[in-house]
Amino acid sequence: MNWVILLIAGLLEIGWAVGLKYTDGFSKLWPSVATIICLLTSFALLGWAVRSLPVGTAYAIWVGIGAVGTAIAGIYLFNESISMLKLASLGAILVGILGLKLAA
C-alpha cells in the first residue's frame, strides 16, 4: 500500500510543479490554492510512505516521478522543446526509478 501512496505523492508533485506555471508568481488565487494543496498533500503522503519504505529510495522515486511527469507535462501543455536526448534522459530516469523499486 505504501508504494501506491508514494505513486500518488509523485503524481501530486507533478500537479504542484505544473501548477506553479498557472499561478503566475502566486498572483492568481485559485491556481495558487490548488498548487499549495497539491504541494502539502504530496509532502504529507511522502511522509506517510517513508514510515515503512527506505527514505532514500522513496525520496528518489518521488522526485523521479515528479521530474519525468513534469517534463512530459511541459512538452504537452506548454509546447516545450522535445528531442531524442531529452526523451532518452527521461527514459534513463524511468529505468532508475524501476531499478530503485526492484532493489527495495
Protein backbone atom coordinates (compact mmCIF):
# COMPACT_ATOMS: atom_id res chain seq x y z
CA MET A 1 0.00 0.00 0.00
CA ASN A 2 2.86 2.39 0.74
CA TRP A 3 4.07 2.08 -2.86
CA VAL A 4 0.64 3.24 -4.04
CA ILE A 5 0.79 6.14 -1.59
CA LEU A 6 4.24 7.03 -2.94
CA LEU A 7 2.93 6.92 -6.52
CA ILE A 8 0.07 9.26 -5.60
CA ALA A 9 2.54 11.58 -3.85
CA GLY A 10 4.65 11.64 -7.04
CA LEU A 11 1.62 12.42 -9.19
CA LEU A 12 0.71 15.27 -6.86
CA GLU A 13 4.27 16.54 -7.18
CA ILE A 14 3.63 16.83 -10.91
CA GLY A 15 0.44 18.72 -10.07
CA TRP A 16 2.12 21.31 -7.91
CA ALA A 17 5.12 21.71 -10.21
CA VAL A 18 2.88 22.32 -13.22
CA GLY A 19 0.60 24.43 -11.06
CA LEU A 20 3.43 26.86 -10.42
CA LYS A 21 3.20 27.92 -14.06
CA TYR A 22 -0.51 28.67 -13.71
CA THR A 23 -0.13 30.70 -10.51
CA ASP A 24 1.71 33.48 -12.35
CA GLY A 25 4.05 34.03 -9.43
CA PHE A 26 1.27 33.26 -6.93
CA SER A 27 -0.69 36.26 -8.18
CA LYS A 28 -3.72 34.16 -9.21
CA LEU A 29 -5.76 32.96 -6.23
CA TRP A 30 -7.32 29.66 -7.31
CA PRO A 31 -4.34 28.24 -9.18
CA SER A 32 -2.23 29.20 -6.15
CA VAL A 33 -4.63 27.46 -3.76
CA ALA A 34 -4.69 24.31 -5.90
CA THR A 35 -0.90 24.31 -6.19
CA ILE A 36 -0.42 24.68 -2.43
CA ILE A 37 -2.94 21.90 -1.74
CA CYS A 38 -1.10 19.59 -4.15
CA LEU A 39 2.24 20.51 -2.56
CA LEU A 40 1.12 19.92 1.02
CA THR A 41 -0.69 16.69 0.18
CA SER A 42 2.29 15.42 -1.80
CA PHE A 43 4.65 16.08 1.13
CA ALA A 44 2.22 14.51 3.60
CA LEU A 45 1.87 11.36 1.51
CA LEU A 46 5.63 11.14 1.03
CA GLY A 47 5.99 11.39 4.81
CA TRP A 48 3.43 8.63 5.23
CA ALA A 49 5.17 6.38 2.71
CA VAL A 50 8.59 6.70 4.34
CA ARG A 51 7.24 5.30 7.59
CA SER A 52 7.79 1.84 6.10
CA LEU A 53 9.81 2.44 2.92
CA PRO A 54 13.52 3.31 2.85
CA VAL A 55 13.71 7.11 2.86
CA GLY A 56 16.41 7.36 0.19
CA THR A 57 14.55 5.06 -2.18
CA ALA A 58 11.17 6.67 -1.56
CA TYR A 59 12.52 10.19 -1.99
CA ALA A 60 14.40 9.35 -5.19
CA ILE A 61 11.32 7.66 -6.68
CA TRP A 62 9.10 10.61 -5.65
CA VAL A 63 11.48 13.08 -7.27
CA GLY A 64 11.83 10.89 -10.36
CA ILE A 65 8.07 10.61 -10.87
CA GLY A 66 7.77 14.37 -10.46
CA ALA A 67 10.66 15.15 -12.79
CA VAL A 68 9.56 12.85 -15.60
CA GLY A 69 5.89 13.78 -15.26
CA THR A 70 6.58 17.50 -15.13
CA ALA A 71 8.87 17.32 -18.16
CA ILE A 72 6.22 15.43 -20.14
CA ALA A 73 3.51 17.85 -18.99
CA GLY A 74 5.70 20.78 -20.07
CA ILE A 75 6.02 19.28 -23.54
CA TYR A 76 2.28 18.79 -23.92
CA LEU A 77 0.87 21.76 -22.02
CA PHE A 78 3.43 24.47 -22.72
CA ASN A 79 4.94 23.37 -26.04
CA GLU A 80 8.39 22.94 -24.54
CA SER A 81 11.03 21.55 -26.85
CA ILE A 82 11.42 17.84 -27.36
CA SER A 83 14.47 16.00 -28.63
CA MET A 84 15.84 12.48 -28.71
CA LEU A 85 18.32 13.44 -26.00
CA LYS A 86 15.50 14.70 -23.76
CA LEU A 87 13.47 11.52 -24.34
CA ALA A 88 16.50 9.32 -23.70
CA SER A 89 17.24 11.22 -20.48
CA LEU A 90 13.66 10.81 -19.28
CA GLY A 91 13.91 7.12 -20.15
CA ALA A 92 17.06 6.86 -18.06
CA ILE A 93 15.24 8.37 -15.10
CA LEU A 94 12.41 5.86 -15.56
CA VAL A 95 14.91 2.99 -15.63
CA GLY A 96 16.42 4.38 -12.42
CA ILE A 97 13.02 4.54 -10.76
CA LEU A 98 12.30 0.94 -11.75
CA GLY A 99 15.73 -0.15 -10.52
CA LEU A 100 15.18 1.51 -7.15
CA LYS A 101 11.78 -0.12 -6.80
CA LEU A 102 13.17 -3.54 -7.63
CA ALA A 103 16.09 -3.08 -5.24
CA ALA A 104 13.88 -2.06 -2.29
